[in-house]
Amino acid sequence: MIAMANTENMVAPEDSCPSCGERDADRLVWREDETVECQRCGTVYRPGGGGDG
């Protein structure tokens, strides 16, 4: 059986991890400084295509 991604829990493409493309909101941790840390690859970035944190 193939597992299907839950699209209800996905962030917008522009807010996805720029390194690995992760979009699952449960794997993207929003930090107090308004950056996001990807739990899949460890990248810290500004959402919306703003580049590195």
Protein backbone atom coordinates (compact mmCIF):
# COMPACT_ATOMS: atom_id res chain seq x y z
CA MET A 1 0.00 0.00 0.00
CA ILE A 2 1.29 3.48 -0.88
CA ALA A 3 1.04 6.15 1.84
CA MET A 4 -0.58 9.38 0.67
CA ALA A 5 0.49 12.75 2.05
CA ASN A 6 -2.07 14.67 4.09
CA THR A 7 -2.43 17.86 2.05
CA GLU A 8 -4.50 19.51 4.80
CA ASN A 9 -1.35 19.83 6.93
CA MET A 10 0.91 21.28 4.23
CA VAL A 11 2.28 24.82 4.30
CA ALA A 12 2.16 26.94 1.15
CA PRO A 13 4.90 26.15 -1.38
CA GLU A 14 6.58 29.51 -0.74
CA ASP A 15 6.93 28.57 2.96
CA SER A 16 8.46 25.13 2.31
CA CYS A 17 12.04 24.31 3.28
CA PRO A 18 14.39 25.73 0.63
CA SER A 19 16.87 22.88 1.16
CA CYS A 20 14.75 19.74 1.10
CA GLY A 21 11.30 20.98 0.07
CA GLU A 22 9.54 19.80 3.25
CA ARG A 23 5.98 21.19 3.46
CA ASP A 24 4.51 19.16 6.36
CA ALA A 25 3.61 21.68 9.08
CA ASP A 26 4.39 19.07 11.76
CA ARG A 27 8.02 18.98 10.60
CA LEU A 28 8.50 22.76 10.29
CA VAL A 29 9.02 24.50 13.64
CA TRP A 30 8.25 28.22 13.72
CA ARG A 31 10.68 29.96 16.09
CA GLU A 32 10.27 33.15 18.15
CA ASP A 33 12.49 35.12 15.75
CA GLU A 34 10.01 34.34 12.91
CA THR A 35 12.34 31.87 11.23
CA VAL A 36 11.46 28.23 10.62
CA GLU A 37 13.56 25.18 11.47
CA CYS A 38 13.04 22.11 9.28
CA GLN A 39 13.05 18.94 11.37
CA ARG A 40 13.81 16.86 8.29
CA CYS A 41 17.14 18.45 7.32
CA GLY A 42 17.88 21.03 10.06
CA THR A 43 17.79 24.11 7.81
CA VAL A 44 16.75 27.38 9.45
CA TYR A 45 15.15 29.86 7.04
CA ARG A 46 12.73 32.76 6.68
CA PRO A 47 9.43 31.61 5.18
CA GLY A 48 8.11 33.23 2.03
CA GLY A 49 11.31 32.87 0.04
CA GLY A 50 13.25 35.34 2.19
CA GLY A 51 16.46 33.30 2.20
CA ASP A 52 18.50 32.20 5.21
CA GLY A 53 17.51 33.23 8.75
